Each structure stands twice: as structure tokens, then as C-alpha cells.
C-alpha atoms as a PDB file:
ATOM      1  CA  UNK A   1      73.321  86.768  71.474  1.00  0.00           C
ATOM      2  CA  UNK A   2      74.781  90.209  70.759  1.00  0.00           C
ATOM      3  CA  UNK A   3      76.205  90.959  67.332  1.00  0.00           C
ATOM      4  CA  UNK A   4      79.634  92.562  66.991  1.00  0.00           C
ATOM      5  CA  UNK A   5      78.036  95.918  66.186  1.00  0.00           C
ATOM      6  CA  UNK A   6      75.835  95.655  69.279  1.00  0.00           C
ATOM      7  CA  UNK A   7      78.893  94.847  71.415  1.00  0.00           C
ATOM      8  CA  UNK A   8      80.640  97.972  70.175  1.00  0.00           C
ATOM      9  CA  UNK A   9      77.549 100.102  70.817  1.00  0.00           C
ATOM     10  CA  UNK A  10      77.247  98.561  74.280  1.00  0.00           C
ATOM     11  CA  UNK A  11      80.877  99.371  75.068  1.00  0.00           C
ATOM     12  CA  UNK A  12      80.395 102.985  73.999  1.00  0.00           C
ATOM     13  CA  UNK A  13      77.497 103.349  76.452  1.00  0.00           C
ATOM     14  CA  UNK A  14      79.805 102.499  79.336  1.00  0.00           C
ATOM     15  CA  UNK A  15      81.932 104.640  81.615  1.00  0.00           C
ATOM     16  CA  UNK A  16      83.729 107.510  79.907  1.00  0.00           C
ATOM     17  CA  UNK A  17      87.075 105.760  80.528  1.00  0.00           C
ATOM     18  CA  UNK A  18      85.837 102.754  78.529  1.00  0.00           C
ATOM     19  CA  UNK A  19      84.589 105.050  75.762  1.00  0.00           C
ATOM     20  CA  UNK A  20      87.986 106.733  75.521  1.00  0.00           C
ATOM     21  CA  UNK A  21      89.870 103.430  75.308  1.00  0.00           C
ATOM     22  CA  UNK A  22      87.468 101.910  72.785  1.00  0.00           C
ATOM     23  CA  UNK A  23      87.855 104.877  70.454  1.00  0.00           C
ATOM     24  CA  UNK A  24      91.638 104.925  70.858  1.00  0.00           C
ATOM     25  CA  UNK A  25      92.529 101.230  70.892  1.00  0.00           C
ATOM     26  CA  UNK A  26      89.785  99.578  68.845  1.00  0.00           C
ATOM     27  CA  UNK A  27      88.726 102.315  66.437  1.00  0.00           C
ATOM     28  CA  UNK A  28      92.013 104.198  66.160  1.00  0.00           C
ATOM     29  CA  UNK A  29      90.480 107.554  67.061  1.00  0.00           C
ATOM     30  CA  UNK A  30      92.159 109.717  69.720  1.00  0.00           C
ATOM     31  CA  UNK A  31      89.477 111.633  71.619  1.00  0.00           C
ATOM     32  CA  UNK A  32      91.313 113.709  74.204  1.00  0.00           C
ATOM     33  CA  UNK A  33      88.057 115.401  75.191  1.00  0.00           C
ATOM     34  CA  UNK A  34      86.848 112.026  76.481  1.00  0.00           C
ATOM     35  CA  UNK A  35      90.050 111.462  78.429  1.00  0.00           C
ATOM     36  CA  UNK A  36      89.685 114.884  80.037  1.00  0.00           C
ATOM     37  CA  UNK A  37      86.185 113.932  81.183  1.00  0.00           C
ATOM     38  CA  UNK A  38      87.469 110.941  83.171  1.00  0.00           C
ATOM     39  CA  UNK A  39      88.491 113.315  85.968  1.00  0.00           C
ATOM     40  CA  UNK A  40      84.992 114.709  86.417  1.00  0.00           C
ATOM     41  CA  UNK A  41      82.721 111.817  85.464  1.00  0.00           C
ATOM     42  CA  UNK A  42      82.009 108.208  86.381  1.00  0.00           C
ATOM     43  CA  UNK A  43      84.611 105.956  87.937  1.00  0.00           C
ATOM     44  CA  UNK A  44      87.403 108.508  87.738  1.00  0.00           C
ATOM     45  CA  UNK A  45      85.419 111.092  89.670  1.00  0.00           C
ATOM     46  CA  UNK A  46      84.405 108.517  92.273  1.00  0.00           C
ATOM     47  CA  UNK A  47      87.991 107.440  92.894  1.00  0.00           C
ATOM     48  CA  UNK A  48      89.254 111.020  93.133  1.00  0.00           C
ATOM     49  CA  UNK A  49      86.433 111.987  95.511  1.00  0.00           C
ATOM     50  CA  UNK A  50      87.730 109.434  98.047  1.00  0.00           C
ATOM     51  CA  UNK A  51      91.186 111.048  98.246  1.00  0.00           C
ATOM     52  CA  UNK A  52      91.927 112.423 101.709  1.00  0.00           C
ATOM     53  CA  UNK A  53      93.431 115.836 102.417  1.00  0.00           C
ATOM     54  CA  UNK A  54      96.750 114.144 103.278  1.00  0.00           C
ATOM     55  CA  UNK A  55      96.995 112.829  99.710  1.00  0.00           C
ATOM     56  CA  UNK A  56      96.144 109.216 100.531  1.00  0.00           C
ATOM     57  CA  UNK A  57      93.256 106.846  99.915  1.00  0.00           C
ATOM     58  CA  UNK A  58      92.361 104.448 102.707  1.00  0.00           C
ATOM     59  CA  UNK A  59      94.721 104.849 105.679  1.00  0.00           C
ATOM     60  CA  UNK A  60      98.059 105.043 103.850  1.00  0.00           C
ATOM     61  CA  UNK A  61     100.072 103.629 100.961  1.00  0.00           C
ATOM     62  CA  UNK A  62      99.149  99.952 101.360  1.00  0.00           C
ATOM     63  CA  UNK A  63      96.484  99.845 104.090  1.00  0.00           C
ATOM     64  CA  UNK A  64      93.754  98.731 103.974  1.00  0.00           C
ATOM     65  CA  UNK A  65      94.998  96.753 101.024  1.00  0.00           C
ATOM     66  CA  UNK A  66      92.308  96.962  98.338  1.00  0.00           C
ATOM     67  CA  UNK A  67      91.227 100.546  99.095  1.00  0.00           C
ATOM     68  CA  UNK A  68      94.743 101.828  99.754  1.00  0.00           C
ATOM     69  CA  UNK A  69      96.600 104.573  97.919  1.00  0.00           C
ATOM     70  CA  UNK A  70      98.585 102.003  95.952  1.00  0.00           C
ATOM     71  CA  UNK A  71      95.712 100.127  94.373  1.00  0.00           C
ATOM     72  CA  UNK A  72      93.667 103.278  93.813  1.00  0.00           C
ATOM     73  CA  UNK A  73      96.544 104.835  91.877  1.00  0.00           C
ATOM     74  CA  UNK A  74      96.830 101.648  89.833  1.00  0.00           C
ATOM     75  CA  UNK A  75      93.107 101.787  89.042  1.00  0.00           C
ATOM     76  CA  UNK A  76      93.331 105.446  88.000  1.00  0.00           C
ATOM     77  CA  UNK A  77      96.234 104.596  85.704  1.00  0.00           C
ATOM     78  CA  UNK A  78      94.263 101.744  84.137  1.00  0.00           C
ATOM     79  CA  UNK A  79      91.288 104.085  83.637  1.00  0.00           C
ATOM     80  CA  UNK A  80      93.616 106.283  81.567  1.00  0.00           C
ATOM     81  CA  UNK A  81      93.106 109.386  83.674  1.00  0.00           C
ATOM     82  CA  UNK A  82      95.021 112.361  82.264  1.00  0.00           C
ATOM     83  CA  UNK A  83      98.742 111.770  82.947  1.00  0.00           C
ATOM     84  CA  UNK A  84      99.002 115.389  84.081  1.00  0.00           C
ATOM     85  CA  UNK A  85      96.411 115.150  86.869  1.00  0.00           C
ATOM     86  CA  UNK A  86      97.864 117.271  89.672  1.00  0.00           C
ATOM     87  CA  UNK A  87      96.157 115.463  92.545  1.00  0.00           C
ATOM     88  CA  UNK A  88      97.488 112.083  91.479  1.00  0.00           C
ATOM     89  CA  UNK A  89     100.982 113.394  90.809  1.00  0.00           C
ATOM     90  CA  UNK A  90     100.976 114.961  94.272  1.00  0.00           C
ATOM     91  CA  UNK A  91      99.934 111.674  95.894  1.00  0.00           C
ATOM     92  CA  UNK A  92     102.732 109.762  94.159  1.00  0.00           C
ATOM     93  CA  UNK A  93     105.224 112.426  95.222  1.00  0.00           C
ATOM     94  CA  UNK A  94     104.081 112.024  98.846  1.00  0.00           C
ATOM     95  CA  UNK A  95     104.726 108.282  98.681  1.00  0.00           C
ATOM     96  CA  UNK A  96     108.232 108.880  97.339  1.00  0.00           C
ATOM     97  CA  UNK A  97     108.908 111.553  99.950  1.00  0.00           C
ATOM     98  CA  UNK A  98     108.230 109.002 102.707  1.00  0.00           C
ATOM     99  CA  UNK A  99     111.450 107.225 101.768  1.00  0.00           C
ATOM    100  CA  UNK A 100     112.450 103.953 100.159  1.00  0.00           C
ATOM    101  CA  UNK A 101     113.549 100.529 101.304  1.00  0.00           C
ATOM    102  CA  UNK A 102     117.243  99.690 101.494  1.00  0.00           C
ATOM    103  CA  UNK A 103     116.962  97.952  98.121  1.00  0.00           C
ATOM    104  CA  UNK A 104     115.587 101.113  96.504  1.00  0.00           C
ATOM    105  CA  UNK A 105     111.971 100.001  96.289  1.00  0.00           C
ATOM    106  CA  UNK A 106     108.768 101.221  97.917  1.00  0.00           C
ATOM    107  CA  UNK A 107     108.209  99.975 101.489  1.00  0.00           C
ATOM    108  CA  UNK A 108     104.786  98.635 102.412  1.00  0.00           C
ATOM    109  CA  UNK A 109     105.491  98.837 106.130  1.00  0.00           C
ATOM    110  CA  UNK A 110     108.169  97.975 108.711  1.00  0.00           C
ATOM    111  CA  UNK A 111     108.651  94.423 107.383  1.00  0.00           C
ATOM    112  CA  UNK A 112     109.741  95.714 103.970  1.00  0.00           C
ATOM    113  CA  UNK A 113     112.172  98.440 104.999  1.00  0.00           C
ATOM    114  CA  UNK A 114     115.099  96.247 103.962  1.00  0.00           C
ATOM    115  CA  UNK A 115     113.667  94.225 101.075  1.00  0.00           C
ATOM    116  CA  UNK A 116     110.666  95.616  99.235  1.00  0.00           C
ATOM    117  CA  UNK A 117     108.126  93.675  97.171  1.00  0.00           C
ATOM    118  CA  UNK A 118     108.975  93.316  93.483  1.00  0.00           C
ATOM    119  CA  UNK A 119     105.278  92.968  92.509  1.00  0.00           C
ATOM    120  CA  UNK A 120     104.381  96.262  94.171  1.00  0.00           C
ATOM    121  CA  UNK A 121     107.490  97.904  92.722  1.00  0.00           C
ATOM    122  CA  UNK A 122     106.400  96.821  89.247  1.00  0.00           C
ATOM    123  CA  UNK A 123     102.897  98.200  89.742  1.00  0.00           C
ATOM    124  CA  UNK A 124     104.242 101.415  91.292  1.00  0.00           C
ATOM    125  CA  UNK A 125     106.656 101.858  88.372  1.00  0.00           C
ATOM    126  CA  UNK A 126     103.744 101.462  85.974  1.00  0.00           C
ATOM    127  CA  UNK A 127     101.569 104.232  87.357  1.00  0.00           C
ATOM    128  CA  UNK A 128     104.447 106.510  88.382  1.00  0.00           C
ATOM    129  CA  UNK A 129     105.796 106.345  84.819  1.00  0.00           C
ATOM    130  CA  UNK A 130     102.323 106.830  83.345  1.00  0.00           C
ATOM    131  CA  UNK A 131     101.821 109.974  85.428  1.00  0.00           C
ATOM    132  CA  UNK A 132     105.227 111.288  84.314  1.00  0.00           C
ATOM    133  CA  UNK A 133     107.019 111.324  87.651  1.00  0.00           C
ATOM    134  CA  UNK A 134     110.640 112.468  87.299  1.00  0.00           C
ATOM    135  CA  UNK A 135     112.840 109.671  85.977  1.00  0.00           C
ATOM    136  CA  UNK A 136     115.507 110.278  88.609  1.00  0.00           C
ATOM    137  CA  UNK A 137     113.043 109.418  91.371  1.00  0.00           C
ATOM    138  CA  UNK A 138     112.270 106.069  89.743  1.00  0.00           C
ATOM    139  CA  UNK A 139     115.791 104.911  88.971  1.00  0.00           C
ATOM    140  CA  UNK A 140     116.378 103.065  92.248  1.00  0.00           C
ATOM    141  CA  UNK A 141     113.070 101.235  91.768  1.00  0.00           C
ATOM    142  CA  UNK A 142     114.182 100.088  88.329  1.00  0.00           C
ATOM    143  CA  UNK A 143     117.547  99.011  89.742  1.00  0.00           C
ATOM    144  CA  UNK A 144     115.864  97.012  92.490  1.00  0.00           C
ATOM    145  CA  UNK A 145     113.536  95.290  90.058  1.00  0.00           C
ATOM    146  CA  UNK A 146     116.332  94.313  87.701  1.00  0.00           C
ATOM    147  CA  UNK A 147     118.301  92.897  90.616  1.00  0.00           C
ATOM    148  CA  UNK A 148     115.412  90.501  91.320  1.00  0.00           C
ATOM    149  CA  UNK A 149     115.431  88.820  87.894  1.00  0.00           C
ATOM    150  CA  UNK A 150     115.597  85.053  88.381  1.00  0.00           C
ATOM    151  CA  UNK A 151     117.642  82.507  86.384  1.00  0.00           C
ATOM    152  CA  UNK A 152     114.525  81.358  84.491  1.00  0.00           C
ATOM    153  CA  UNK A 153     113.984  84.917  83.234  1.00  0.00           C
ATOM    154  CA  UNK A 154     110.995  85.944  85.317  1.00  0.00           C
ATOM    155  CA  UNK A 155     110.352  87.399  88.760  1.00  0.00           C
ATOM    156  CA  UNK A 156     108.925  86.217  92.071  1.00  0.00           C
ATOM    157  CA  UNK A 157     108.140  88.429  95.058  1.00  0.00           C
ATOM    158  CA  UNK A 158     108.755  85.494  97.406  1.00  0.00           C
ATOM    159  CA  UNK A 159     112.510  85.527  96.762  1.00  0.00           C
ATOM    160  CA  UNK A 160     113.007  88.124  99.494  1.00  0.00           C
ATOM    161  CA  UNK A 161     110.522  86.518 101.907  1.00  0.00           C
ATOM    162  CA  UNK A 162     110.119  82.743 102.057  1.00  0.00           C
ATOM    163  CA  UNK A 163     112.441  82.115  99.135  1.00  0.00           C
ATOM    164  CA  UNK A 164     111.680  80.882  95.609  1.00  0.00           C
ATOM    165  CA  UNK A 165     113.482  78.896  92.917  1.00  0.00           C
ATOM    166  CA  UNK A 166     110.935  79.426  90.118  1.00  0.00           C
ATOM    167  CA  UNK A 167     109.432  82.640  88.796  1.00  0.00           C
ATOM    168  CA  UNK A 168     105.793  83.584  89.313  1.00  0.00           C
ATOM    169  CA  UNK A 169     103.442  84.620  86.524  1.00  0.00           C
ATOM    170  CA  UNK A 170     101.803  87.039  88.983  1.00  0.00           C
ATOM    171  CA  UNK A 171     105.063  88.835  89.737  1.00  0.00           C
ATOM    172  CA  UNK A 172     106.353  88.648  86.191  1.00  0.00           C
ATOM    173  CA  UNK A 173     103.352  90.364  84.592  1.00  0.00           C
ATOM    174  CA  UNK A 174     103.410  93.182  87.155  1.00  0.00           C
ATOM    175  CA  UNK A 175     107.091  93.805  86.476  1.00  0.00           C
ATOM    176  CA  UNK A 176     106.630  93.658  82.707  1.00  0.00           C
ATOM    177  CA  UNK A 177     103.831  96.225  82.808  1.00  0.00           C
ATOM    178  CA  UNK A 178     106.001  98.535  84.912  1.00  0.00           C
ATOM    179  CA  UNK A 179     109.088  98.254  82.731  1.00  0.00           C
ATOM    180  CA  UNK A 180     107.011  98.679  79.588  1.00  0.00           C
ATOM    181  CA  UNK A 181     105.374 101.880  80.860  1.00  0.00           C
ATOM    182  CA  UNK A 182     108.768 103.207  81.972  1.00  0.00           C
ATOM    183  CA  UNK A 183     110.101 102.848  78.416  1.00  0.00           C
ATOM    184  CA  UNK A 184     106.899 104.172  76.810  1.00  0.00           C
ATOM    185  CA  UNK A 185     107.279 107.322  78.898  1.00  0.00           C
ATOM    186  CA  UNK A 186     110.585 108.004  77.155  1.00  0.00           C
ATOM    187  CA  UNK A 187     112.863 107.208  80.098  1.00  0.00           C
ATOM    188  CA  UNK A 188     116.279 105.777  79.274  1.00  0.00           C
ATOM    189  CA  UNK A 189     117.801 104.676  82.597  1.00  0.00           C
ATOM    190  CA  UNK A 190     119.365 101.212  82.129  1.00  0.00           C
ATOM    191  CA  UNK A 191     117.527 100.770  78.851  1.00  0.00           C
ATOM    192  CA  UNK A 192     119.667  97.866  77.652  1.00  0.00           C
ATOM    193  CA  UNK A 193     119.156  95.928  80.897  1.00  0.00           C
ATOM    194  CA  UNK A 194     115.421  96.664  80.820  1.00  0.00           C
ATOM    195  CA  UNK A 195     115.088  95.371  77.267  1.00  0.00           C
ATOM    196  CA  UNK A 196     116.962  92.216  78.207  1.00  0.00           C
ATOM    197  CA  UNK A 197     114.750  91.708  81.265  1.00  0.00           C
ATOM    198  CA  UNK A 198     111.588  92.270  79.211  1.00  0.00           C
ATOM    199  CA  UNK A 199     112.696  89.741  76.627  1.00  0.00           C
ATOM    200  CA  UNK A 200     113.477  87.049  79.198  1.00  0.00           C
ATOM    201  CA  UNK A 201     110.292  87.709  81.199  1.00  0.00           C
ATOM    202  CA  UNK A 202     108.134  87.581  78.079  1.00  0.00           C
ATOM    203  CA  UNK A 203     109.802  84.314  77.132  1.00  0.00           C
ATOM    204  CA  UNK A 204     109.014  82.944  80.600  1.00  0.00           C
ATOM    205  CA  UNK A 205     105.311  83.633  80.002  1.00  0.00           C
ATOM    206  CA  UNK A 206     105.402  82.238  76.466  1.00  0.00           C
ATOM    207  CA  UNK A 207     107.235  79.127  77.645  1.00  0.00           C
ATOM    208  CA  UNK A 208     104.117  78.412  79.678  1.00  0.00           C
ATOM    209  CA  UNK A 209     101.791  79.183  76.749  1.00  0.00           C
ATOM    210  CA  UNK A 210     100.460  81.908  79.104  1.00  0.00           C
ATOM    211  CA  UNK A 211      98.832  79.430  81.534  1.00  0.00           C
ATOM    212  CA  UNK A 212     100.222  75.896  81.195  1.00  0.00           C
ATOM    213  CA  UNK A 213     102.853  74.085  83.226  1.00  0.00           C
ATOM    214  CA  UNK A 214     106.128  73.759  81.355  1.00  0.00           C
ATOM    215  CA  UNK A 215     106.568  70.329  82.957  1.00  0.00           C
ATOM    216  CA  UNK A 216     103.141  68.685  82.694  1.00  0.00           C
ATOM    217  CA  UNK A 217     101.268  70.810  80.169  1.00  0.00           C
ATOM    218  CA  UNK A 218      98.362  71.079  82.618  1.00  0.00           C
ATOM    219  CA  UNK A 219      96.592  74.336  83.531  1.00  0.00           C
ATOM    220  CA  UNK A 220      98.652  75.921  86.310  1.00  0.00           C
ATOM    221  CA  UNK A 221      95.661  77.546  87.985  1.00  0.00           C
ATOM    222  CA  UNK A 222      92.024  77.814  86.947  1.00  0.00           C
ATOM    223  CA  UNK A 223      92.159  81.410  88.162  1.00  0.00           C
ATOM    224  CA  UNK A 224      94.381  82.202  85.170  1.00  0.00           C
ATOM    225  CA  UNK A 225      91.443  81.701  82.790  1.00  0.00           C
ATOM    226  CA  UNK A 226      88.689  83.443  84.815  1.00  0.00           C
ATOM    227  CA  UNK A 227      89.452  86.980  83.529  1.00  0.00           C
ATOM    228  CA  UNK A 228      88.485  89.130  86.539  1.00  0.00           C
ATOM    229  CA  UNK A 229      88.676  92.914  86.594  1.00  0.00           C
ATOM    230  CA  UNK A 230      90.337  94.691  88.250  1.00  0.00           C
ATOM    231  CA  UNK A 231      93.119  92.137  88.352  1.00  0.00           C
ATOM    232  CA  UNK A 232      95.192  93.987  90.996  1.00  0.00           C
ATOM    233  CA  UNK A 233      98.354  91.852  91.384  1.00  0.00           C
ATOM    234  CA  UNK A 234      96.784  88.691  89.994  1.00  0.00           C
ATOM    235  CA  UNK A 235      97.710  87.163  86.659  1.00  0.00           C
ATOM    236  CA  UNK A 236      95.322  85.942  83.967  1.00  0.00           C
ATOM    237  CA  UNK A 237      95.587  85.232  80.261  1.00  0.00           C
ATOM    238  CA  UNK A 238      93.664  88.325  79.161  1.00  0.00           C
ATOM    239  CA  UNK A 239      95.969  90.553  81.180  1.00  0.00           C
ATOM    240  CA  UNK A 240      98.960  88.855  79.543  1.00  0.00           C
ATOM    241  CA  UNK A 241      97.576  89.308  76.024  1.00  0.00           C
ATOM    242  CA  UNK A 242      96.741  92.929  76.778  1.00  0.00           C
ATOM    243  CA  UNK A 243     100.342  93.429  77.881  1.00  0.00           C
ATOM    244  CA  UNK A 244     101.711  91.837  74.705  1.00  0.00           C
ATOM    245  CA  UNK A 245      99.647  94.096  72.447  1.00  0.00           C
ATOM    246  CA  UNK A 246     100.561  97.166  74.508  1.00  0.00           C
ATOM    247  CA  UNK A 247     104.260  96.279  74.280  1.00  0.00           C
ATOM    248  CA  UNK A 248     104.008  95.712  70.520  1.00  0.00           C
ATOM    249  CA  UNK A 249     105.129  92.109  70.853  1.00  0.00           C
ATOM    250  CA  UNK A 250     105.029  90.179  67.589  1.00  0.00           C
ATOM    251  CA  UNK A 251     102.688  87.239  67.268  1.00  0.00           C
ATOM    252  CA  UNK A 252     103.940  83.994  68.776  1.00  0.00           C
ATOM    253  CA  UNK A 253     102.136  80.705  68.194  1.00  0.00           C
ATOM    254  CA  UNK A 254     102.391  79.965  71.919  1.00  0.00           C
ATOM    255  CA  UNK A 255      99.703  82.623  72.468  1.00  0.00           C
ATOM    256  CA  UNK A 256      97.170  80.572  70.515  1.00  0.00           C
ATOM    257  CA  UNK A 257      96.025  78.327  73.385  1.00  0.00           C
ATOM    258  CA  UNK A 258      95.067  81.373  75.451  1.00  0.00           C
ATOM    259  CA  UNK A 259      93.263  83.015  72.549  1.00  0.00           C
ATOM    260  CA  UNK A 260      91.331  79.791  71.951  1.00  0.00           C
ATOM    261  CA  UNK A 261      90.032  79.917  75.527  1.00  0.00           C
ATOM    262  CA  UNK A 262      88.978  83.542  75.133  1.00  0.00           C
ATOM    263  CA  UNK A 263      87.216  82.717  71.860  1.00  0.00           C
ATOM    264  CA  UNK A 264      85.340  79.921  73.600  1.00  0.00           C
ATOM    265  CA  UNK A 265      84.239  82.272  76.367  1.00  0.00           C
ATOM    266  CA  UNK A 266      83.171  84.820  73.757  1.00  0.00           C
ATOM    267  CA  UNK A 267      80.978  82.252  71.998  1.00  0.00           C
ATOM    268  CA  UNK A 268      79.389  81.267  75.301  1.00  0.00           C
ATOM    269  CA  UNK A 269      78.525  84.881  76.037  1.00  0.00           C
ATOM    270  CA  UNK A 270      79.202  87.437  73.334  1.00  0.00           C
ATOM    271  CA  UNK A 271      80.173  89.961  75.972  1.00  0.00           C
ATOM    272  CA  UNK A 272      82.896  88.688  78.309  1.00  0.00           C
ATOM    273  CA  UNK A 273      81.867  87.503  81.759  1.00  0.00           C
ATOM    274  CA  UNK A 274      83.281  88.909  84.985  1.00  0.00           C
ATOM    275  CA  UNK A 275      82.073  87.408  88.265  1.00  0.00           C
ATOM    276  CA  UNK A 276      79.047  86.068  86.302  1.00  0.00           C
ATOM    277  CA  UNK A 277      78.044  89.580  85.140  1.00  0.00           C
ATOM    278  CA  UNK A 278      78.734  91.218  81.760  1.00  0.00           C
ATOM    279  CA  UNK A 279      81.897  93.322  82.025  1.00  0.00           C
ATOM    280  CA  UNK A 280      82.657  96.139  79.601  1.00  0.00           C
ATOM    281  CA  UNK A 281      86.298  96.225  80.708  1.00  0.00           C
ATOM    282  CA  UNK A 282      86.854  92.525  80.039  1.00  0.00           C
ATOM    283  CA  UNK A 283      85.028  92.788  76.715  1.00  0.00           C
ATOM    284  CA  UNK A 284      87.184  95.760  75.723  1.00  0.00           C
ATOM    285  CA  UNK A 285      90.403  93.917  76.620  1.00  0.00           C
ATOM    286  CA  UNK A 286      89.154  90.980  74.568  1.00  0.00           C
ATOM    287  CA  UNK A 287      88.982  93.323  71.589  1.00  0.00           C
ATOM    288  CA  UNK A 288      92.531  94.584  72.088  1.00  0.00           C
ATOM    289  CA  UNK A 289      93.847  91.034  72.408  1.00  0.00           C
ATOM    290  CA  UNK A 290      93.303  90.481  68.654  1.00  0.00           C
ATOM    291  CA  UNK A 291      96.271  92.806  68.125  1.00  0.00           C
ATOM    292  CA  UNK A 292      98.600  90.040  69.294  1.00  0.00           C
ATOM    293  CA  UNK A 293      97.485  87.764  66.454  1.00  0.00           C
ATOM    294  CA  UNK A 294      99.000  87.810  62.976  1.00  0.00           C
ATOM    295  CA  UNK A 295      96.783  89.891  60.725  1.00  0.00           C
ATOM    296  CA  UNK A 296      95.656  86.996  58.553  1.00  0.00           C
ATOM    297  CA  UNK A 297      94.404  85.174  61.664  1.00  0.00           C
ATOM    298  CA  UNK A 298      92.858  88.171  63.376  1.00  0.00           C
ATOM    299  CA  UNK A 299      90.912  89.240  60.315  1.00  0.00           C
ATOM    300  CA  UNK A 300      89.121  85.908  60.270  1.00  0.00           C
ATOM    301  CA  UNK A 301      87.326  86.778  63.500  1.00  0.00           C
ATOM    302  CA  UNK A 302      84.010  88.572  63.044  1.00  0.00           C
ATOM    303  CA  UNK A 303      84.685  90.751  66.081  1.00  0.00           C
ATOM    304  CA  UNK A 304      87.898  92.024  64.499  1.00  0.00           C
ATOM    305  CA  UNK A 305      86.087  92.851  61.259  1.00  0.00           C
ATOM    306  CA  UNK A 306      83.427  94.941  62.987  1.00  0.00           C
ATOM    307  CA  UNK A 307      85.759  96.712  65.417  1.00  0.00           C
ATOM    308  CA  UNK A 308      88.069  97.653  62.554  1.00  0.00           C
ATOM    309  CA  UNK A 309      85.326  99.288  60.483  1.00  0.00           C
END
């Protein structure tokens, strides 16, 4: 079993993007030189090397799905590539230049030229805001997202397809991450409406204690507690906790059930599991999740003590 100090040392032997985030988010040290290296080393370099001369990855924006431009840009954002990377900014600009759906969102293909997908719009807003795309070009995306807010406070991409009467945790977390990054980038378009949407969407997640049915109290889906990475559009409790700490959300006791599950997984394997293999990214996110806990609770965990020193 690895000690907390060994876990930290293990994390810092990982990809340069992990090193940068560990120093910044767990140790409170901003190392811009590490962030600059993400472009030319490790995962960041590999992703960028697959970019085609037309500015896309894969065939186009959303095809083939997992190796498409969309999900590659999301991965590069999550790696914390420099927000001023010219190649990435150019690729996002090309997507925007191809036009938008009638509802102001990003079309995935012919079937979404009228109504776009709110999940994809949330993810697109996240990385477009992170890479400092002009606010004016993102305003219609924000408007379209806000229009999709459901009566229960969350979002569901099925509302414009097969129909939905209840929000989805998958859609809601993608939208929250996008709106949060939009505000963090200093943009002000419809700020009041965004803050209201964030509050209601966060409450929707908390109402479910991050993974439990609000009607039966049972686990909604076992996938919500598996903690895969990359998560793409899929929801899980670690992703939710990482969002809450990133958004500066105050501690809420309804987070405790999810943290208890993560603690149990940590005790089973001191470095977090991902598809049965040790994952530095999941372990790192586990460390940041302590920031959602009240300080008197968080300080009782040995991992918090070590990562804070």
C-alpha cells in the first residue's frame, strides 16, 4: 500500500500535464514552465501531432466520435494546454466558421441543423471559453443552453430529440462545466441568468446526493461510481466533485455519500483505479475533491495532510 508521500511522488512522475495540475491544485504552486511544456511533451504533443492540415482531428467536428475534433479539443482543455495555443484556437475558429444550428448551438451534422445538442454545446463552451475565443462568438451558444433549462433545474439533451421530462446528470454536468468556464474567463453575457442556471443545476445534482435516486434513494447507475477517465460526456461522482471545487461551491452535506465511496475506493487501492489499472488522473482528481469538504473534515484525512505540506 502506497503512503500519501509516495502517491504524491508517483503523481509527479506522470505526464507533464499531471505534474502541472498537481503543483497548481494540490500544492498551490503555479509552474507556468510546466504548462508550456504540455505542447511539446507527452499527451499534449501526441494529441497535437494528430491534427490534420485542415484544422481537424479525425474526419471532422464530431466524426468519428471519440477521435473527432470535438473530443480532442475537450481533452486538450482538460490537460491544461496553454490557453493561447494558436493551433487549437484556429481549430475552434474553423468550427465556428462552419455555421451554427438554428438554435444558436454547434451542429453535429444534418440532423442537428435545427436543434443542436445541449451536452455538446456545454462541452464546446467549456473549451472555447478556456482557449479565450471571442465572447461575441459564444453568446448564441450560451443563449441556446439557457433556453434548454428544465423545470427541475437541470438539463437533458433528449429534450430536442425523443423528449424528456426529467433532467440528466450527464447533460447537467457538461452544461455546468461550460457555464463555469465561461464565467471564469471573465465573460459577462447574461451573467445573471447563468448564475441562476448554475445554482439550479447544482441543486439538481445535490438533490440526488450526486448519484442517488431522489425517489428511491437507490444508486441511479453503477457507472456513476466507476470513475473512468477521460469521462467524455459521461457523468460520475468524481467529475461532479471536481466541478464543485473548481466552481468554488461551499461544502454541502449531500456531497458526503459520494466522498465516502471515494474514500472506500482509496482504501482498497491507495491510488485510484481506472479500468482496473492505476490512474494518475483519477488519483489527482481524488486529491482535488477534498476541497469540497469543510476544512475541519478534510484535514482529518491523511491524504489531505500530506498534499497540503
